[in-house]
Protein backbone atom coordinates (compact mmCIF):
# COMPACT_ATOMS: atom_id res chain seq x y z
CA MET A 1 -99.48 94.86 -35.30
CA LYS A 2 -97.36 97.12 -33.14
CA ASN A 3 -97.37 100.86 -33.60
CA VAL A 4 -94.66 103.35 -32.65
CA VAL A 5 -92.55 101.96 -29.81
CA SER A 6 -91.89 103.91 -26.66
CA GLY A 7 -89.26 102.58 -24.28
CA SER A 8 -86.47 102.12 -26.84
CA HIS A 9 -86.18 105.76 -27.98
CA VAL A 10 -83.48 106.65 -25.45
CA LYS A 11 -81.48 103.53 -26.31
CA PHE A 12 -81.70 104.34 -30.00
CA ALA A 13 -80.49 107.92 -29.46
CA ALA A 14 -77.49 106.70 -27.48
CA LEU A 15 -76.54 104.10 -30.08
CA PHE A 16 -76.92 106.57 -32.94
CA SER A 17 -74.65 109.08 -31.19
CA ALA A 18 -72.06 106.36 -30.59
CA ALA A 19 -72.09 105.39 -34.27
CA ILE A 20 -71.53 108.98 -35.34
CA PHE A 21 -68.43 109.40 -33.21
CA VAL A 22 -66.80 105.96 -33.43
CA SER A 23 -63.42 106.37 -35.14
CA LEU A 24 -63.78 103.53 -37.66
CA PRO A 25 -63.79 103.99 -41.43
CA ALA A 26 -67.25 103.79 -42.99
CA TYR A 27 -68.88 104.11 -46.39
CA ALA A 28 -72.12 103.06 -48.08
CA GLY A 29 -70.97 99.65 -49.31
CA LYS A 30 -72.72 97.40 -51.82
CA ASN A 31 -76.09 96.41 -50.38
CA VAL A 32 -79.49 95.43 -51.83
CA TYR A 33 -82.27 96.79 -49.58
CA SER A 34 -85.37 94.75 -48.80
CA PRO A 35 -88.70 96.54 -48.20
CA TYR A 36 -89.28 94.92 -44.80
CA VAL A 37 -89.47 96.94 -41.57
CA SER A 38 -90.00 95.86 -37.94
CA ALA A 39 -91.24 98.23 -35.25
CA GLY A 40 -88.88 98.67 -32.31
CA GLU A 41 -86.01 96.83 -33.97
CA ILE A 42 -82.57 98.38 -33.59
CA GLU A 43 -79.83 97.34 -35.99
CA ILE A 44 -76.13 98.13 -36.00
CA GLU A 45 -74.49 97.75 -39.41
CA SER A 46 -71.01 97.55 -40.87
CA LYS A 47 -70.50 97.45 -44.65
CA THR A 48 -67.03 96.91 -46.06
CA GLU A 49 -65.94 97.21 -49.70
CA TYR A 50 -62.45 96.60 -51.13
CA LEU A 51 -61.56 97.16 -54.80
CA VAL A 52 -59.15 95.13 -56.94
CA ASP A 53 -58.19 96.63 -60.31
CA GLU A 54 -55.30 96.89 -62.76
CA ASP A 55 -55.46 100.67 -62.35
CA ASN A 56 -53.16 101.57 -59.45
CA ASN A 57 -55.32 104.59 -58.65
CA VAL A 58 -58.25 102.24 -57.95
CA ASP A 59 -56.59 99.03 -56.71
CA GLY A 60 -56.66 98.80 -52.93
CA SER A 61 -59.38 101.40 -52.40
CA TRP A 62 -61.23 100.66 -49.19
CA GLU A 63 -64.70 101.85 -48.28
CA GLU A 64 -66.87 100.93 -45.31
CA THR A 65 -70.08 101.92 -43.50
CA LEU A 66 -70.87 102.07 -39.82
CA GLY A 67 -74.46 102.95 -39.00
CA VAL A 68 -77.53 102.46 -36.85
CA GLY A 69 -81.15 101.86 -37.86
CA TYR A 70 -84.37 101.96 -35.87
CA GLY A 71 -87.90 100.73 -36.68
CA LEU A 72 -90.24 103.55 -35.72
CA THR A 73 -93.35 101.58 -36.77
CA ASP A 74 -94.14 98.43 -38.75
CA TYR A 75 -94.07 100.58 -41.88
CA MET A 76 -91.20 103.04 -41.33
CA ALA A 77 -87.57 102.81 -40.23
CA VAL A 78 -84.80 105.41 -40.09
CA GLU A 79 -81.04 104.90 -40.46
CA GLY A 80 -77.92 107.03 -40.09
CA TYR A 81 -74.38 106.42 -41.33
CA VAL A 82 -70.95 107.97 -41.27
CA GLU A 83 -68.97 107.40 -44.47
CA PHE A 84 -65.19 107.26 -44.81
CA GLU A 85 -62.92 106.50 -47.76
CA ASP A 86 -59.32 105.35 -48.08
CA GLU A 87 -57.86 105.56 -51.60
CA PRO A 88 -54.35 104.48 -52.68
CA GLY A 89 -51.77 107.11 -51.78
CA GLU A 90 -54.33 109.23 -49.94
CA ASP A 91 -55.19 109.73 -46.28
CA LEU A 92 -58.33 108.24 -44.80
CA ILE A 93 -61.07 110.88 -45.03
CA THR A 94 -64.55 111.35 -43.69
CA LYS A 95 -66.58 111.46 -46.89
CA ALA A 96 -70.21 112.02 -45.90
CA LEU A 97 -73.04 111.72 -43.41
CA GLU A 98 -76.02 109.79 -44.69
CA PHE A 99 -79.61 109.76 -43.46
CA GLU A 100 -82.26 107.32 -44.69
CA ALA A 101 -85.98 106.67 -44.23
CA ARG A 102 -87.39 103.32 -45.38
CA PHE A 103 -91.09 102.62 -45.90
CA GLN A 104 -92.88 99.26 -46.21
CA PHE A 105 -96.08 99.58 -48.24
CA SER A 106 -97.91 96.34 -47.34
CA GLU A 107 -97.83 93.18 -45.24
CA ARG A 108 -95.29 90.58 -46.33
CA GLY A 109 -96.96 88.30 -48.88
CA GLN A 110 -100.14 90.40 -49.05
CA TYR A 111 -99.67 91.11 -52.76
CA PHE A 112 -97.88 89.39 -55.61
CA ILE A 113 -94.80 91.59 -55.03
CA ASP A 114 -93.77 93.12 -51.70
CA SER A 115 -92.83 96.77 -52.13
CA GLY A 116 -91.35 99.71 -50.31
CA LEU A 117 -89.40 102.94 -50.75
CA LEU A 118 -86.09 104.23 -49.42
CA LEU A 119 -85.33 107.97 -49.36
CA GLU A 120 -81.77 109.10 -48.68
CA TYR A 121 -79.95 112.37 -48.13
CA LYS A 122 -76.16 112.34 -48.30
CA TYR A 123 -74.34 115.34 -46.83
CA SER A 124 -70.80 115.59 -48.18
CA THR A 125 -68.03 116.39 -45.70
CA ALA A 126 -65.29 116.23 -48.37
CA GLY A 127 -66.18 119.20 -50.56
CA ALA A 128 -68.37 117.34 -53.07
CA ALA A 129 -72.00 118.07 -53.86
CA ASP A 130 -74.69 116.66 -51.59
CA LYS A 131 -77.02 113.98 -53.00
CA ILE A 132 -80.61 112.91 -52.66
CA GLU A 133 -81.61 109.40 -53.70
CA ALA A 134 -84.81 107.39 -54.03
CA LYS A 135 -84.96 103.60 -54.29
CA ALA A 136 -88.03 101.55 -55.14
CA LEU A 137 -87.73 98.32 -53.14
CA LEU A 138 -89.31 95.18 -54.61
CA ALA A 139 -89.21 91.62 -53.27
CA LYS A 140 -90.73 88.29 -54.31
CA GLU A 141 -90.31 84.77 -52.90
CA ILE A 142 -90.93 81.77 -55.16
CA GLY A 143 -90.52 78.59 -53.15
CA LYS A 144 -87.09 78.83 -51.53
CA VAL A 145 -85.81 81.49 -53.92
CA GLN A 146 -85.99 85.13 -52.88
CA ASN A 147 -85.47 87.97 -55.35
CA VAL A 148 -84.99 91.59 -54.26
CA VAL A 149 -84.71 94.48 -56.74
CA ASN A 150 -83.84 98.14 -56.11
CA LEU A 151 -84.65 100.73 -58.78
CA ILE A 152 -82.51 103.81 -58.11
CA VAL A 153 -82.68 107.50 -59.01
CA GLU A 154 -80.23 110.06 -57.59
CA LYS A 155 -79.64 113.78 -57.95
CA GLU A 156 -76.88 116.08 -56.79
CA VAL A 157 -78.01 119.16 -54.87
CA GLY A 158 -76.40 122.26 -53.40
CA GLU A 159 -73.11 123.89 -54.31
CA ASP A 160 -71.19 122.47 -57.33
CA SER A 161 -74.07 120.10 -58.12
CA SER A 162 -74.74 118.68 -61.57
CA ASP A 163 -78.04 119.15 -63.39
CA ASN A 164 -78.14 115.50 -64.46
CA GLU A 165 -79.89 112.65 -62.68
CA GLY A 166 -78.23 109.28 -62.13
CA TYR A 167 -79.98 105.93 -62.53
CA GLY A 168 -79.16 102.49 -61.21
CA LEU A 169 -80.38 98.97 -60.56
CA ALA A 170 -79.45 96.45 -57.86
CA TRP A 171 -80.63 92.83 -57.70
CA SER A 172 -80.16 90.02 -55.21
CA GLY A 173 -81.27 86.45 -55.85
CA LYS A 174 -80.71 83.85 -53.15
CA TYR A 175 -81.67 80.26 -52.35
CA MET A 176 -82.92 80.00 -48.75
CA TYR A 177 -81.01 76.87 -47.77
CA SER A 178 -80.61 77.37 -44.02
CA PRO A 179 -80.60 80.21 -41.44
CA SER A 180 -76.80 80.18 -41.35
CA PHE A 181 -76.08 79.78 -45.08
CA ASP A 182 -77.95 80.97 -48.17
CA PRO A 183 -76.07 81.02 -51.51
CA GLY A 184 -76.95 83.69 -54.01
CA ILE A 185 -75.90 86.18 -56.64
CA GLU A 186 -75.99 89.99 -56.84
CA TYR A 187 -75.89 92.48 -59.68
CA TYR A 188 -75.28 96.24 -59.52
CA GLY A 189 -75.74 98.52 -62.51
CA ASP A 190 -74.77 102.20 -62.45
CA PHE A 191 -76.15 103.68 -65.68
CA GLY A 192 -75.09 107.27 -65.04
CA ASP A 193 -77.52 109.69 -66.71
CA THR A 194 -78.29 107.02 -69.39
CA THR A 195 -76.35 108.93 -72.08
CA ASP A 196 -73.13 107.03 -71.32
CA ASP A 197 -72.13 104.08 -73.46
CA TYR A 198 -72.24 100.67 -71.76
CA GLU A 199 -68.46 100.53 -71.29
CA ASP A 200 -68.57 103.93 -69.54
CA GLN A 201 -71.15 102.64 -67.07
CA LYS A 202 -70.34 100.50 -64.01
CA HIS A 203 -71.82 97.00 -64.02
CA ARG A 204 -70.84 94.30 -61.52
CA ILE A 205 -72.10 90.79 -60.80
CA GLY A 206 -70.95 87.93 -58.63
CA PRO A 207 -71.64 85.23 -56.02
CA VAL A 208 -72.68 86.19 -52.49
CA ILE A 209 -73.47 84.15 -49.38
CA TYR A 210 -75.92 85.22 -46.68
CA GLY A 211 -76.78 83.98 -43.21
CA GLU A 212 -76.56 84.49 -39.47
CA LEU A 213 -73.86 83.21 -37.12
CA GLY A 214 -73.84 83.88 -33.39
CA GLY A 215 -76.61 86.43 -33.72
CA ILE A 216 -74.70 88.40 -36.38
CA GLY A 217 -76.21 88.56 -39.85
CA TYR A 218 -73.79 88.60 -42.75
CA ASP A 219 -73.58 88.81 -46.52
CA ALA A 220 -70.23 88.41 -48.21
CA GLY A 221 -69.07 87.95 -51.76
CA VAL A 222 -67.10 89.11 -54.75
CA LEU A 223 -68.54 91.19 -57.60
CA PHE A 224 -66.78 91.11 -60.95
CA GLY A 225 -66.74 94.10 -63.26
CA ILE A 226 -68.50 93.33 -66.56
CA SER A 227 -68.06 96.78 -68.08
CA LYS A 228 -64.80 98.63 -68.70
CA ALA A 229 -65.46 101.43 -66.18
CA ALA A 230 -66.23 99.02 -63.32
CA PRO A 231 -63.42 97.76 -61.04
CA ASP A 232 -62.11 94.30 -61.95
CA ALA A 233 -63.38 92.93 -58.62
CA THR A 234 -65.21 94.29 -55.59
CA LEU A 235 -64.93 92.34 -52.33
CA LYS A 236 -67.82 93.00 -49.96
CA LEU A 237 -68.63 92.06 -46.37
CA ASN A 238 -71.74 93.39 -44.65
CA LEU A 239 -72.45 92.63 -40.98
CA GLU A 240 -75.62 93.39 -39.04
CA TYR A 241 -76.68 92.95 -35.43
CA GLU A 242 -80.38 93.33 -34.57
CA PHE A 243 -82.09 93.53 -31.20
């Protein structure tokens, strides 16, 4: 087992600074987090999300993430993102800066379920309240099928914040067919503060493919809204380069 790495700290700092100032749109797109962490690993991520809906105020909305992550140890990684948003009829705006710490609780396969925790702080740059978020990260492989579940709790903090907590669930199930192509399905449930009726919540589900091509990891798919408040369709493309 490796502990905290040494020689890569300067490289990480440079890459993180570049990500912060690159003039590309970014936003925290749809992603199911695994609990696994690798010491010394640097990852550059792009997450794109495009909405299709009969509501003209929603249709064509574009959100994307550009960020950098770094494995400090075999049990802890940190990530930073810049978030942008482009809504119909509006200018592209910088929406938030996001900082995450992810923790892996045990060796892969050591227990019946692999587990971890992700803690996130989102600093709004668009006049909205800041947010803190915690995600329990659970993963289990059965043969060639991998299931990953995120249990989500979030809370607004600071000026203009709400007193209510928000709750959510994300699930990814995939069949590990080959390194370049794994078919699967994802579900995202945004329950609000749990007092909302089902149709006022945002639930999406759809097919997703995963893999790696030319050293670039990808997951891409379409998520269909299965509750009234959710967009009719969400197109997603996440890219990741690790070294």
